[in-house]
Structure formats: C-alpha cells, structure tokens
Amino acid sequence: MQPKQPYWQRYWYHLLFRDEREAAFKPMGHEGLRQVPNNALATKSLEQWVEWFLEEAVDELDDFRGALQMLVYAEATPGSDAKPVLVRTVGLGRR
C-alpha cells in the first residue's frame, strides 16, 4: 500500500535577492530549492502563500535595499530549461 498523497500539488521555491546596486539576482542562502510547506497549501492557494511569504520577508529584511524574487517549481529538481509555475518579485527598503 502506498502512502496517501495530499490532495494538493507539491511545490518547491527558490528565493533570490538583487541588491539595488547590482543587475542580477543571486540565491539567498545555500539550501537550494525548499519545499512549500504542505500545511500552508492545505489552507491557502499557492499564490496566497507566496504573497504572504513575501510580505513577511519584506518586513524582516527592512534593512536590505533592492528586490526579492521567488521562483516556484512543480518539481523538486527542475532541469536547467524548466520554467517556474509562478514568479513574484517585491521591492525591499521602500517602506
């Protein structure tokens, strides 16, 4: 018997930061892709969770200047040509 799968799709995200003096986004941290918490997707849509996460991040990173970008994938190990299912970018240091 296989373990019961959740009724929602699993997603993984990559968080990137671009300093206001730089042109390119760079990964935040060294963990690589992180899984979107299953318990969050049980109560929110993926889009709602991403918006909530980025709002919290903007508050936490208020001393940073630049932009924060989240790329969301449907696979834990997307290939180099994989396109994210969702991309959101927010400005930092504008409050």
N, C-alpha and C. Protein backbone atom coordinates (compact mmCIF):
# COMPACT_ATOMS: atom_id res chain seq x y z
N MET A 1 0.85 -1.18 0.00
CA MET A 1 0.00 0.00 0.00
C MET A 1 0.89 1.25 0.00
N GLN A 2 0.60 2.16 -0.89
CA GLN A 2 1.38 3.39 -0.97
C GLN A 2 0.87 4.41 0.03
N PRO A 3 1.77 5.28 0.50
CA PRO A 3 1.31 6.33 1.42
C PRO A 3 0.32 7.25 0.72
N LYS A 4 -0.62 7.72 1.49
CA LYS A 4 -1.65 8.61 0.94
C LYS A 4 -1.00 9.93 0.52
N GLN A 5 -1.28 10.35 -0.68
CA GLN A 5 -0.75 11.62 -1.19
C GLN A 5 -1.69 12.76 -0.79
N PRO A 6 -1.15 13.93 -0.51
CA PRO A 6 -2.04 15.07 -0.21
C PRO A 6 -2.87 15.41 -1.45
N TYR A 7 -3.98 16.05 -1.23
CA TYR A 7 -4.85 16.39 -2.35
C TYR A 7 -4.36 17.62 -3.09
N TRP A 8 -3.35 18.28 -2.60
CA TRP A 8 -2.80 19.44 -3.27
C TRP A 8 -1.48 19.07 -3.94
N GLN A 9 -1.09 19.88 -4.86
CA GLN A 9 0.17 19.70 -5.59
C GLN A 9 1.33 20.16 -4.70
N ARG A 10 2.42 19.45 -4.72
CA ARG A 10 3.62 19.89 -4.00
C ARG A 10 4.38 20.87 -4.88
N TYR A 11 4.99 21.87 -4.23
CA TYR A 11 5.78 22.88 -4.94
C TYR A 11 7.07 23.13 -4.18
N TRP A 12 8.07 23.62 -4.91
CA TRP A 12 9.36 23.98 -4.34
C TRP A 12 9.68 25.40 -4.81
N TYR A 13 10.36 26.15 -3.94
CA TYR A 13 10.66 27.55 -4.29
C TYR A 13 12.14 27.85 -4.12
N HIS A 14 12.54 28.85 -4.85
CA HIS A 14 13.91 29.37 -4.80
C HIS A 14 13.78 30.85 -4.50
N LEU A 15 14.48 31.33 -3.50
CA LEU A 15 14.44 32.73 -3.12
C LEU A 15 15.71 33.41 -3.60
N LEU A 16 15.54 34.52 -4.31
CA LEU A 16 16.67 35.26 -4.88
C LEU A 16 16.62 36.71 -4.41
N PHE A 17 17.80 37.32 -4.32
CA PHE A 17 17.91 38.72 -3.92
C PHE A 17 18.76 39.47 -4.93
N ARG A 18 18.34 40.69 -5.24
CA ARG A 18 19.14 41.57 -6.09
C ARG A 18 19.37 42.87 -5.32
N ASP A 19 20.62 43.14 -5.02
CA ASP A 19 20.98 44.40 -4.37
C ASP A 19 20.67 45.54 -5.34
N GLU A 20 20.28 46.69 -4.81
CA GLU A 20 19.92 47.81 -5.69
C GLU A 20 21.09 48.29 -6.56
N ARG A 21 22.32 47.93 -6.18
CA ARG A 21 23.49 48.33 -6.97
C ARG A 21 23.91 47.27 -7.98
N GLU A 22 23.18 46.15 -8.01
CA GLU A 22 23.53 45.02 -8.89
C GLU A 22 22.47 44.83 -9.97
N ALA A 23 22.87 44.19 -11.04
CA ALA A 23 21.93 43.94 -12.14
C ALA A 23 21.26 42.57 -12.04
N ALA A 24 21.93 41.61 -11.41
CA ALA A 24 21.43 40.23 -11.43
C ALA A 24 20.96 39.78 -10.05
N PHE A 25 19.99 38.88 -10.06
CA PHE A 25 19.53 38.23 -8.83
C PHE A 25 20.51 37.13 -8.45
N LYS A 26 20.69 36.95 -7.13
CA LYS A 26 21.56 35.89 -6.61
C LYS A 26 20.78 35.10 -5.57
N PRO A 27 21.05 33.81 -5.44
CA PRO A 27 20.33 32.99 -4.45
C PRO A 27 20.55 33.51 -3.03
N MET A 28 19.49 33.45 -2.23
CA MET A 28 19.59 33.77 -0.80
C MET A 28 19.80 32.45 -0.07
N GLY A 29 20.90 32.33 0.62
CA GLY A 29 21.19 31.10 1.35
C GLY A 29 21.82 30.07 0.44
N HIS A 30 22.15 28.95 1.03
CA HIS A 30 22.84 27.89 0.30
C HIS A 30 22.02 26.61 0.21
N GLU A 31 20.77 26.66 0.61
CA GLU A 31 19.96 25.45 0.67
C GLU A 31 19.45 24.99 -0.69
N GLY A 32 19.43 25.84 -1.67
CA GLY A 32 18.82 25.48 -2.95
C GLY A 32 17.31 25.58 -2.85
N LEU A 33 16.61 24.70 -3.56
CA LEU A 33 15.16 24.72 -3.52
C LEU A 33 14.64 24.24 -2.18
N ARG A 34 13.59 24.88 -1.71
CA ARG A 34 12.93 24.49 -0.46
C ARG A 34 11.47 24.16 -0.78
N GLN A 35 10.92 23.21 -0.08
CA GLN A 35 9.53 22.84 -0.34
C GLN A 35 8.58 23.83 0.30
N VAL A 36 7.55 24.20 -0.45
CA VAL A 36 6.47 25.00 0.12
C VAL A 36 5.80 24.12 1.17
N PRO A 37 5.61 24.62 2.38
CA PRO A 37 5.03 23.77 3.43
C PRO A 37 3.65 23.22 3.06
N ASN A 38 3.51 21.92 3.20
CA ASN A 38 2.23 21.28 2.87
C ASN A 38 1.07 21.85 3.69
N ASN A 39 1.33 22.14 4.97
CA ASN A 39 0.24 22.66 5.80
C ASN A 39 -0.24 24.02 5.31
N ALA A 40 0.63 24.80 4.70
CA ALA A 40 0.21 26.10 4.15
C ALA A 40 -0.70 25.90 2.94
N LEU A 41 -0.39 24.91 2.12
CA LEU A 41 -1.19 24.66 0.92
C LEU A 41 -2.51 23.98 1.25
N ALA A 42 -2.65 23.47 2.45
CA ALA A 42 -3.92 22.88 2.86
C ALA A 42 -4.95 23.97 3.15
N THR A 43 -4.47 25.18 3.45
CA THR A 43 -5.39 26.26 3.83
C THR A 43 -5.36 27.46 2.89
N LYS A 44 -4.34 27.53 2.01
CA LYS A 44 -4.19 28.68 1.11
C LYS A 44 -3.85 28.19 -0.28
N SER A 45 -4.13 29.03 -1.25
CA SER A 45 -3.65 28.72 -2.61
C SER A 45 -2.15 29.01 -2.65
N LEU A 46 -1.49 28.50 -3.66
CA LEU A 46 -0.07 28.77 -3.82
C LEU A 46 0.18 30.27 -3.92
N GLU A 47 -0.63 30.95 -4.70
CA GLU A 47 -0.46 32.40 -4.88
C GLU A 47 -0.61 33.14 -3.55
N GLN A 48 -1.60 32.75 -2.74
CA GLN A 48 -1.80 33.39 -1.44
C GLN A 48 -0.61 33.15 -0.52
N TRP A 49 -0.09 31.94 -0.54
CA TRP A 49 1.06 31.64 0.31
C TRP A 49 2.28 32.46 -0.11
N VAL A 50 2.53 32.56 -1.41
CA VAL A 50 3.68 33.33 -1.91
C VAL A 50 3.53 34.79 -1.51
N GLU A 51 2.34 35.36 -1.69
CA GLU A 51 2.12 36.76 -1.30
C GLU A 51 2.37 36.95 0.19
N TRP A 52 1.85 36.03 1.02
CA TRP A 52 2.06 36.12 2.46
C TRP A 52 3.55 36.03 2.80
N PHE A 53 4.24 35.06 2.22
CA PHE A 53 5.66 34.85 2.49
C PHE A 53 6.46 36.11 2.14
N LEU A 54 6.21 36.67 0.97
CA LEU A 54 6.97 37.85 0.55
C LEU A 54 6.65 39.07 1.40
N GLU A 55 5.40 39.22 1.83
CA GLU A 55 5.07 40.33 2.74
C GLU A 55 5.85 40.21 4.05
N GLU A 56 5.90 39.00 4.58
CA GLU A 56 6.67 38.76 5.81
C GLU A 56 8.16 39.03 5.58
N ALA A 57 8.67 38.60 4.45
CA ALA A 57 10.09 38.80 4.14
C ALA A 57 10.43 40.28 4.02
N VAL A 58 9.56 41.05 3.41
CA VAL A 58 9.80 42.49 3.27
C VAL A 58 9.92 43.13 4.66
N ASP A 59 9.06 42.72 5.58
CA ASP A 59 9.14 43.26 6.95
C ASP A 59 10.43 42.83 7.64
N GLU A 60 10.82 41.58 7.47
CA GLU A 60 12.03 41.06 8.12
C GLU A 60 13.31 41.63 7.53
N LEU A 61 13.31 41.93 6.25
CA LEU A 61 14.51 42.39 5.55
C LEU A 61 14.47 43.89 5.28
N ASP A 62 13.93 44.65 6.23
CA ASP A 62 13.75 46.08 6.01
C ASP A 62 15.05 46.86 5.90
N ASP A 63 16.17 46.26 6.28
CA ASP A 63 17.46 46.94 6.14
C ASP A 63 18.13 46.66 4.79
N PHE A 64 17.54 45.79 3.99
CA PHE A 64 18.05 45.49 2.65
C PHE A 64 17.48 46.48 1.65
N ARG A 65 18.22 46.77 0.61
CA ARG A 65 17.75 47.65 -0.48
C ARG A 65 17.90 46.88 -1.78
N GLY A 66 16.83 46.77 -2.51
CA GLY A 66 16.88 46.03 -3.77
C GLY A 66 15.57 45.33 -4.03
N ALA A 67 15.63 44.06 -4.43
CA ALA A 67 14.43 43.29 -4.75
C ALA A 67 14.60 41.84 -4.32
N LEU A 68 13.48 41.25 -3.98
CA LEU A 68 13.42 39.85 -3.59
C LEU A 68 12.53 39.15 -4.62
N GLN A 69 12.98 38.01 -5.09
CA GLN A 69 12.22 37.28 -6.11
C GLN A 69 12.05 35.83 -5.67
N MET A 70 10.83 35.32 -5.86
CA MET A 70 10.56 33.93 -5.57
C MET A 70 10.17 33.23 -6.86
N LEU A 71 10.86 32.12 -7.14
CA LEU A 71 10.55 31.27 -8.27
C LEU A 71 9.98 29.98 -7.70
N VAL A 72 8.82 29.56 -8.18
CA VAL A 72 8.16 28.36 -7.67
C VAL A 72 8.10 27.33 -8.79
N TYR A 73 8.50 26.10 -8.44
CA TYR A 73 8.53 25.00 -9.41
C TYR A 73 7.63 23.86 -8.94
N ALA A 74 7.16 23.07 -9.88
CA ALA A 74 6.34 21.90 -9.56
C ALA A 74 7.20 20.66 -9.34
N GLU A 75 8.51 20.79 -9.51
CA GLU A 75 9.43 19.66 -9.34
C GLU A 75 10.51 20.04 -8.32
N ALA A 76 10.95 19.05 -7.56
CA ALA A 76 11.99 19.29 -6.55
C ALA A 76 13.35 19.52 -7.19
N THR A 77 13.57 18.94 -8.35
CA THR A 77 14.84 19.10 -9.06
C THR A 77 14.56 19.46 -10.51
N PRO A 78 14.15 20.70 -10.75
CA PRO A 78 13.83 21.08 -12.13
C PRO A 78 15.09 21.10 -13.00
N GLY A 79 14.92 20.76 -14.26
CA GLY A 79 16.03 20.82 -15.19
C GLY A 79 16.41 22.26 -15.50
N SER A 80 17.53 22.44 -16.14
CA SER A 80 18.01 23.79 -16.44
C SER A 80 17.06 24.55 -17.35
N ASP A 81 16.25 23.86 -18.12
CA ASP A 81 15.31 24.53 -19.03
C ASP A 81 13.90 24.61 -18.45
N ALA A 82 13.70 24.17 -17.20
CA ALA A 82 12.38 24.20 -16.57
C ALA A 82 11.94 25.64 -16.31
N LYS A 83 10.70 25.89 -16.56
CA LYS A 83 10.12 27.21 -16.30
C LYS A 83 9.35 27.16 -14.98
N PRO A 84 9.49 28.20 -14.16
CA PRO A 84 8.74 28.22 -12.90
C PRO A 84 7.24 28.30 -13.19
N VAL A 85 6.45 27.75 -12.28
CA VAL A 85 5.00 27.85 -12.41
C VAL A 85 4.49 29.18 -11.87
N LEU A 86 5.33 29.85 -11.08
CA LEU A 86 4.96 31.15 -10.52
C LEU A 86 6.22 31.94 -10.22
N VAL A 87 6.21 33.21 -10.56
CA VAL A 87 7.34 34.11 -10.26
C VAL A 87 6.75 35.39 -9.66
N ARG A 88 7.27 35.78 -8.51
CA ARG A 88 6.85 37.04 -7.89
C ARG A 88 8.10 37.79 -7.45
N THR A 89 8.05 39.11 -7.62
CA THR A 89 9.17 39.97 -7.24
C THR A 89 8.61 41.14 -6.43
N VAL A 90 9.28 41.46 -5.33
CA VAL A 90 8.90 42.60 -4.50
C VAL A 90 10.12 43.46 -4.24
N GLY A 91 9.88 44.75 -4.08
CA GLY A 91 10.97 45.67 -3.74
C GLY A 91 11.25 45.64 -2.24
N LEU A 92 12.49 45.87 -1.88
CA LEU A 92 12.92 45.93 -0.49
C LEU A 92 13.45 47.32 -0.16
N GLY A 93 13.22 47.76 1.07
CA GLY A 93 13.77 49.03 1.52
C GLY A 93 12.99 50.24 1.06
N ARG A 94 11.73 50.07 0.78
CA ARG A 94 10.93 51.19 0.29
C ARG A 94 9.87 51.64 1.30
N ARG A 95 9.90 51.05 2.48
CA ARG A 95 8.88 51.41 3.50
C ARG A 95 9.40 52.46 4.42
